C-alpha atoms as a PDB file:
ATOM      1  CA  MET A   1     139.570  57.787  86.854  1.00  0.00           C
ATOM      2  CA  LEU A   2     138.179  60.862  88.584  1.00  0.00           C
ATOM      3  CA  ILE A   3     135.069  60.498  90.721  1.00  0.00           C
ATOM      4  CA  LYS A   4     133.451  63.803  91.665  1.00  0.00           C
ATOM      5  CA  GLY A   5     130.047  62.668  92.875  1.00  0.00           C
ATOM      6  CA  ILE A   6     128.600  59.785  94.868  1.00  0.00           C
ATOM      7  CA  LEU A   7     124.949  58.905  94.343  1.00  0.00           C
ATOM      8  CA  PHE A   8     123.289  56.770  97.009  1.00  0.00           C
ATOM      9  CA  ASP A   9     120.178  54.689  97.011  1.00  0.00           C
ATOM     10  CA  PHE A  10     118.432  55.442 100.302  1.00  0.00           C
ATOM     11  CA  ASP A  11     116.243  52.752 101.888  1.00  0.00           C
ATOM     12  CA  GLY A  12     118.476  49.829 102.863  1.00  0.00           C
ATOM     13  CA  THR A  13     121.621  51.648 101.730  1.00  0.00           C
ATOM     14  CA  LEU A  14     121.905  54.699 103.973  1.00  0.00           C
ATOM     15  CA  THR A  15     119.263  53.298 106.334  1.00  0.00           C
ATOM     16  CA  LYS A  16     119.072  49.939 108.040  1.00  0.00           C
ATOM     17  CA  PRO A  17     117.207  47.363 105.920  1.00  0.00           C
ATOM     18  CA  GLY A  18     113.716  46.371 107.009  1.00  0.00           C
ATOM     19  CA  ALA A  19     112.014  49.706 107.642  1.00  0.00           C
ATOM     20  CA  LEU A  20     109.588  48.864 104.822  1.00  0.00           C
ATOM     21  CA  ASP A  21     107.790  45.519 104.882  1.00  0.00           C
ATOM     22  CA  PHE A  22     107.622  44.970 101.139  1.00  0.00           C
ATOM     23  CA  PRO A  23     105.788  41.594 101.255  1.00  0.00           C
ATOM     24  CA  HIS A  24     103.036  43.181 103.375  1.00  0.00           C
ATOM     25  CA  ILE A  25     102.843  46.275 101.161  1.00  0.00           C
ATOM     26  CA  LYS A  26     102.516  44.084  98.079  1.00  0.00           C
ATOM     27  CA  LYS A  27      99.776  42.038  99.706  1.00  0.00           C
ATOM     28  CA  VAL A  28      97.771  45.137 100.626  1.00  0.00           C
ATOM     29  CA  LEU A  29      98.166  46.596  97.136  1.00  0.00           C
ATOM     30  CA  GLY A  30      97.335  43.322  95.398  1.00  0.00           C
ATOM     31  CA  CYS A  31     100.776  43.088  93.831  1.00  0.00           C
ATOM     32  CA  ARG A  32     102.267  39.649  93.133  1.00  0.00           C
ATOM     33  CA  PRO A  33     105.276  38.737  95.301  1.00  0.00           C
ATOM     34  CA  ASP A  34     107.492  38.459  92.224  1.00  0.00           C
ATOM     35  CA  GLN A  35     106.404  41.820  90.764  1.00  0.00           C
ATOM     36  CA  SER A  36     107.948  45.234  91.427  1.00  0.00           C
ATOM     37  CA  ILE A  37     105.589  47.602  93.234  1.00  0.00           C
ATOM     38  CA  LEU A  38     105.954  50.723  91.067  1.00  0.00           C
ATOM     39  CA  GLU A  39     105.630  48.800  87.833  1.00  0.00           C
ATOM     40  CA  TYR A  40     102.521  47.072  89.196  1.00  0.00           C
ATOM     41  CA  ILE A  41     100.929  50.367  90.241  1.00  0.00           C
ATOM     42  CA  ASP A  42     101.609  51.934  86.856  1.00  0.00           C
ATOM     43  CA  SER A  43      99.749  49.053  85.198  1.00  0.00           C
ATOM     44  CA  LEU A  44      96.521  49.951  87.036  1.00  0.00           C
ATOM     45  CA  SER A  45      93.683  52.179  85.910  1.00  0.00           C
ATOM     46  CA  LEU A  46      94.009  55.867  86.799  1.00  0.00           C
ATOM     47  CA  LYS A  47      91.601  55.619  89.761  1.00  0.00           C
ATOM     48  CA  ASP A  48      93.249  52.490  91.188  1.00  0.00           C
ATOM     49  CA  ARG A  49      96.700  53.917  90.525  1.00  0.00           C
ATOM     50  CA  GLU A  50      95.960  57.066  92.527  1.00  0.00           C
ATOM     51  CA  ARG A  51      94.639  54.991  95.435  1.00  0.00           C
ATOM     52  CA  ALA A  52      97.654  52.669  95.330  1.00  0.00           C
ATOM     53  CA  TYR A  53     100.114  55.568  95.365  1.00  0.00           C
ATOM     54  CA  ARG A  54      98.295  57.097  98.347  1.00  0.00           C
ATOM     55  CA  LEU A  55      98.580  53.821 100.245  1.00  0.00           C
ATOM     56  CA  LEU A  56     102.219  53.447  99.275  1.00  0.00           C
ATOM     57  CA  ALA A  57     102.970  56.990 100.455  1.00  0.00           C
ATOM     58  CA  GLU A  58     101.399  56.175 103.827  1.00  0.00           C
ATOM     59  CA  PHE A  59     103.509  53.024 104.193  1.00  0.00           C
ATOM     60  CA  GLU A  60     106.619  54.966 103.221  1.00  0.00           C
ATOM     61  CA  ALA A  61     105.946  57.789 105.680  1.00  0.00           C
ATOM     62  CA  THR A  62     105.467  55.309 108.536  1.00  0.00           C
ATOM     63  CA  GLY A  63     108.590  53.418 107.533  1.00  0.00           C
ATOM     64  CA  ALA A  64     110.567  56.669 107.277  1.00  0.00           C
ATOM     65  CA  ARG A  65     109.580  57.762 110.769  1.00  0.00           C
ATOM     66  CA  ASN A  66     110.700  54.378 112.137  1.00  0.00           C
ATOM     67  CA  SER A  67     113.877  54.081 110.070  1.00  0.00           C
ATOM     68  CA  LYS A  68     117.386  54.271 111.472  1.00  0.00           C
ATOM     69  CA  PRO A  69     120.671  55.157 109.782  1.00  0.00           C
ATOM     70  CA  ARG A  70     122.719  52.212 108.605  1.00  0.00           C
ATOM     71  CA  GLU A  71     125.725  51.512 110.810  1.00  0.00           C
ATOM     72  CA  GLY A  72     128.475  53.947 109.903  1.00  0.00           C
ATOM     73  CA  ALA A  73     126.312  55.952 107.476  1.00  0.00           C
ATOM     74  CA  GLU A  74     126.676  59.303 109.199  1.00  0.00           C
ATOM     75  CA  LYS A  75     130.435  58.915 109.628  1.00  0.00           C
ATOM     76  CA  VAL A  76     130.921  57.846 106.019  1.00  0.00           C
ATOM     77  CA  LEU A  77     128.854  60.765 104.709  1.00  0.00           C
ATOM     78  CA  ARG A  78     130.815  63.258 106.808  1.00  0.00           C
ATOM     79  CA  LEU A  79     134.140  61.817 105.619  1.00  0.00           C
ATOM     80  CA  LEU A  80     133.040  62.001 101.986  1.00  0.00           C
ATOM     81  CA  GLN A  81     131.909  65.591 102.518  1.00  0.00           C
ATOM     82  CA  LYS A  82     135.261  66.445 104.074  1.00  0.00           C
ATOM     83  CA  ARG A  83     137.017  65.070 101.010  1.00  0.00           C
ATOM     84  CA  GLY A  84     134.867  67.340  98.838  1.00  0.00           C
ATOM     85  CA  PHE A  85     132.672  64.795  97.082  1.00  0.00           C
ATOM     86  CA  CYS A  86     129.331  65.928  95.710  1.00  0.00           C
ATOM     87  CA  LEU A  87     126.683  63.760  97.388  1.00  0.00           C
ATOM     88  CA  GLY A  88     123.241  62.805  96.139  1.00  0.00           C
ATOM     89  CA  ILE A  89     120.339  60.461  96.812  1.00  0.00           C
ATOM     90  CA  ILE A  90     118.242  58.640  94.236  1.00  0.00           C
ATOM     91  CA  THR A  91     115.394  56.391  95.361  1.00  0.00           C
ATOM     92  CA  ARG A  92     112.268  54.652  94.116  1.00  0.00           C
ATOM     93  CA  ASN A  93     110.555  55.965  97.264  1.00  0.00           C
ATOM     94  CA  SER A  94     108.993  59.407  97.469  1.00  0.00           C
ATOM     95  CA  ARG A  95     111.275  62.360  98.112  1.00  0.00           C
ATOM     96  CA  GLU A  96     109.136  63.309 101.094  1.00  0.00           C
ATOM     97  CA  SER A  97     109.814  59.971 102.802  1.00  0.00           C
ATOM     98  CA  VAL A  98     113.566  60.585 102.461  1.00  0.00           C
ATOM     99  CA  LEU A  99     113.239  63.999 104.100  1.00  0.00           C
ATOM    100  CA  ILE A 100     111.291  62.442 106.976  1.00  0.00           C
ATOM    101  CA  SER A 101     113.859  59.684 107.427  1.00  0.00           C
ATOM    102  CA  LEU A 102     116.807  62.099 107.401  1.00  0.00           C
ATOM    103  CA  ARG A 103     115.450  63.601 110.631  1.00  0.00           C
ATOM    104  CA  ASN A 104     116.648  60.425 112.344  1.00  0.00           C
ATOM    105  CA  PHE A 105     120.248  61.051 111.256  1.00  0.00           C
ATOM    106  CA  ASN A 106     122.730  62.695 113.604  1.00  0.00           C
ATOM    107  CA  GLY A 107     124.619  65.616 112.084  1.00  0.00           C
ATOM    108  CA  ILE A 108     123.333  64.919 108.567  1.00  0.00           C
ATOM    109  CA  ASP A 109     120.325  66.537 106.888  1.00  0.00           C
ATOM    110  CA  ALA A 110     118.939  67.309 103.452  1.00  0.00           C
ATOM    111  CA  THR A 111     121.268  70.276 102.962  1.00  0.00           C
ATOM    112  CA  ASP A 112     124.253  67.901 102.905  1.00  0.00           C
ATOM    113  CA  PHE A 113     123.114  66.506  99.555  1.00  0.00           C
ATOM    114  CA  LYS A 114     123.375  68.318  96.248  1.00  0.00           C
ATOM    115  CA  VAL A 115     120.355  66.400  94.946  1.00  0.00           C
ATOM    116  CA  ILE A 116     117.620  64.234  96.472  1.00  0.00           C
ATOM    117  CA  LEU A 117     115.584  62.526  93.766  1.00  0.00           C
ATOM    118  CA  GLY A 118     112.494  60.471  94.509  1.00  0.00           C
ATOM    119  CA  ARG A 119     110.381  58.502  92.077  1.00  0.00           C
ATOM    120  CA  GLU A 120     108.751  61.772  91.030  1.00  0.00           C
ATOM    121  CA  ALA A 121     111.905  62.698  89.091  1.00  0.00           C
ATOM    122  CA  GLY A 122     111.848  60.809  85.800  1.00  0.00           C
ATOM    123  CA  ALA A 123     111.485  57.092  85.255  1.00  0.00           C
ATOM    124  CA  PRO A 124     112.477  55.162  88.407  1.00  0.00           C
ATOM    125  CA  LYS A 125     115.432  52.791  88.628  1.00  0.00           C
ATOM    126  CA  PRO A 126     116.415  50.534  86.901  1.00  0.00           C
ATOM    127  CA  HIS A 127     115.891  53.181  84.209  1.00  0.00           C
ATOM    128  CA  PRO A 128     118.933  55.498  84.121  1.00  0.00           C
ATOM    129  CA  ASP A 129     116.835  58.708  83.953  1.00  0.00           C
ATOM    130  CA  GLY A 130     117.460  59.616  87.584  1.00  0.00           C
ATOM    131  CA  VAL A 131     121.212  59.113  87.283  1.00  0.00           C
ATOM    132  CA  TYR A 132     121.330  61.416  84.258  1.00  0.00           C
ATOM    133  CA  ILE A 133     119.213  64.011  86.055  1.00  0.00           C
ATOM    134  CA  ALA A 134     121.417  63.840  89.153  1.00  0.00           C
ATOM    135  CA  ALA A 135     124.582  64.247  87.080  1.00  0.00           C
ATOM    136  CA  HIS A 136     123.060  67.237  85.291  1.00  0.00           C
ATOM    137  CA  LEU A 137     122.069  68.926  88.561  1.00  0.00           C
ATOM    138  CA  MET A 138     125.510  68.226  90.015  1.00  0.00           C
ATOM    139  CA  ARG A 139     127.027  69.605  86.785  1.00  0.00           C
ATOM    140  CA  ILE A 140     129.280  66.589  86.364  1.00  0.00           C
ATOM    141  CA  GLU A 141     129.371  63.766  83.852  1.00  0.00           C
ATOM    142  CA  PRO A 142     127.612  60.440  84.649  1.00  0.00           C
ATOM    143  CA  SER A 143     131.006  58.759  84.246  1.00  0.00           C
ATOM    144  CA  GLU A 144     132.234  60.871  87.171  1.00  0.00           C
ATOM    145  CA  LEU A 145     129.566  59.382  89.453  1.00  0.00           C
ATOM    146  CA  LEU A 146     129.767  56.403  91.780  1.00  0.00           C
ATOM    147  CA  MET A 147     126.324  54.789  92.208  1.00  0.00           C
ATOM    148  CA  VAL A 148     125.950  52.978  95.559  1.00  0.00           C
ATOM    149  CA  GLY A 149     123.000  50.712  96.315  1.00  0.00           C
ATOM    150  CA  ASP A 150     121.811  47.465  97.842  1.00  0.00           C
ATOM    151  CA  PHE A 151     119.688  46.115  94.989  1.00  0.00           C
ATOM    152  CA  ARG A 152     120.104  45.152  91.354  1.00  0.00           C
ATOM    153  CA  PHE A 153     118.050  48.141  90.168  1.00  0.00           C
ATOM    154  CA  ASP A 154     120.775  50.443  91.513  1.00  0.00           C
ATOM    155  CA  ILE A 155     123.467  48.611  89.596  1.00  0.00           C
ATOM    156  CA  GLN A 156     121.398  48.459  86.411  1.00  0.00           C
ATOM    157  CA  ALA A 157     120.602  52.185  86.509  1.00  0.00           C
ATOM    158  CA  GLY A 158     124.178  53.199  87.228  1.00  0.00           C
ATOM    159  CA  HIS A 159     125.609  50.881  84.592  1.00  0.00           C
ATOM    160  CA  ALA A 160     123.161  52.076  81.938  1.00  0.00           C
ATOM    161  CA  ALA A 161     124.121  55.702  82.615  1.00  0.00           C
ATOM    162  CA  GLY A 162     127.843  54.995  82.454  1.00  0.00           C
ATOM    163  CA  ALA A 163     128.509  55.478  86.175  1.00  0.00           C
ATOM    164  CA  ARG A 164     130.720  53.278  88.330  1.00  0.00           C
ATOM    165  CA  THR A 165     128.700  51.084  90.680  1.00  0.00           C
ATOM    166  CA  VAL A 166     128.966  49.675  94.212  1.00  0.00           C
ATOM    167  CA  LEU A 167     126.686  46.942  95.573  1.00  0.00           C
ATOM    168  CA  ILE A 168     126.331  46.688  99.350  1.00  0.00           C
ATOM    169  CA  THR A 169     125.347  43.246 100.673  1.00  0.00           C
ATOM    170  CA  ASP A 170     124.702  42.694 104.373  1.00  0.00           C
ATOM    171  CA  ASP A 171     124.987  38.917 104.207  1.00  0.00           C
ATOM    172  CA  GLY A 172     127.553  38.749 101.425  1.00  0.00           C
ATOM    173  CA  LEU A 173     124.965  37.448  98.973  1.00  0.00           C
ATOM    174  CA  SER A 174     124.277  39.264  95.727  1.00  0.00           C
ATOM    175  CA  SER A 175     120.769  40.395  94.756  1.00  0.00           C
ATOM    176  CA  LEU A 176     121.746  40.214  91.089  1.00  0.00           C
ATOM    177  CA  SER A 177     120.344  37.705  88.631  1.00  0.00           C
ATOM    178  CA  PRO A 178     122.353  35.882  85.966  1.00  0.00           C
ATOM    179  CA  GLY A 179     123.022  38.032  82.926  1.00  0.00           C
ATOM    180  CA  GLU A 180     122.564  41.333  84.742  1.00  0.00           C
ATOM    181  CA  PRO A 181     125.351  43.950  84.900  1.00  0.00           C
ATOM    182  CA  ARG A 182     127.951  43.249  87.561  1.00  0.00           C
ATOM    183  CA  PRO A 183     128.917  46.002  90.021  1.00  0.00           C
ATOM    184  CA  ASP A 184     132.394  47.468  89.818  1.00  0.00           C
ATOM    185  CA  HIS A 185     132.706  46.874  93.562  1.00  0.00           C
ATOM    186  CA  THR A 186     130.902  44.832  96.196  1.00  0.00           C
ATOM    187  CA  ILE A 187     131.015  45.678  99.904  1.00  0.00           C
ATOM    188  CA  LYS A 188     129.478  44.247 103.071  1.00  0.00           C
ATOM    189  CA  LYS A 189     129.697  47.409 105.158  1.00  0.00           C
ATOM    190  CA  LEU A 190     129.209  51.020 104.162  1.00  0.00           C
ATOM    191  CA  SER A 191     132.530  51.922 105.811  1.00  0.00           C
ATOM    192  CA  GLU A 192     134.314  49.939 103.075  1.00  0.00           C
ATOM    193  CA  LEU A 193     133.253  52.638 100.618  1.00  0.00           C
ATOM    194  CA  ILE A 194     135.977  54.973 101.916  1.00  0.00           C
ATOM    195  CA  LYS A 195     138.773  52.724 100.715  1.00  0.00           C
ATOM    196  CA  ILE A 196     137.092  52.369  97.323  1.00  0.00           C
ATOM    197  CA  VAL A 197     136.843  56.102  96.668  1.00  0.00           C
ATOM    198  CA  GLU A 198     140.485  56.557  97.643  1.00  0.00           C
ATOM    199  CA  ASN A 199     141.429  54.315  94.722  1.00  0.00           C
ATOM    200  CA  TYR A 200     139.752  56.712  92.296  1.00  0.00           C
ATOM    201  CA  ASN A 201     142.103  59.577  93.127  1.00  0.00           C
ATOM    202  CA  PRO A 202     139.222  61.902  93.999  1.00  0.00           C
ATOM    203  CA  GLN A 203     139.461  65.612  93.395  1.00  0.00           C
ATOM    204  CA  LYS A 204     138.865  67.601  96.557  1.00  0.00           C
ATOM    205  CA  ASP A 205     136.149  70.242  96.613  1.00  0.00           C
ATOM    206  CA  ALA A 206     134.535  68.798  93.454  1.00  0.00           C
ATOM    207  CA  CYS A 207     131.085  69.737  94.701  1.00  0.00           C
ATOM    208  CA  LEU A 208     132.076  73.264  95.635  1.00  0.00           C
ATOM    209  CA  LYS A 209     133.261  73.841  92.082  1.00  0.00           C
ATOM    210  CA  VAL A 210     129.897  72.933  90.539  1.00  0.00           C
ATOM    211  CA  SER A 211     127.642  75.026  92.762  1.00  0.00           C
END
């Protein structure tokens, strides 16, 4: 199986978990603890929705400024680049917050990614829209993508689009619920991703060929 592109979730996947205090954000927004923030906001009236998105953007910008790269993230990204993989980011956060956070990375910036998709680009994960859009912009098939994330929405979106999936778990515990799609791979550290992609017999310079 040929893998040409690797699509990463961002917050908690390429960055250290905890930059965003989701329980606090939910409390401020009036969202139930068991409800997803974006889905809650979209259920509000237009006026309340606009206010909620403004507040969320403020939380995200603050979190982005305070975020740090996950251990090994920069090294892994450089190694994948060297091997010629096409790299992308897909997140339920705003694209702007990703750009802010990338300033805290050493030797990695927005130009190292073929695509950076925030929630503004199509229906957010777990819907597969963003994965399809990323594949289209990379000019590769969804089946040639490896979707890497730390939450069940990442696995659901990747699975629905026909991509291979990798779940990263810091404590070894899965965030998946019974009956949900299982990831093709599970890792505890981002560095373990290198060995996984080697098993897919990657084609070098895949990203250069789709520019």
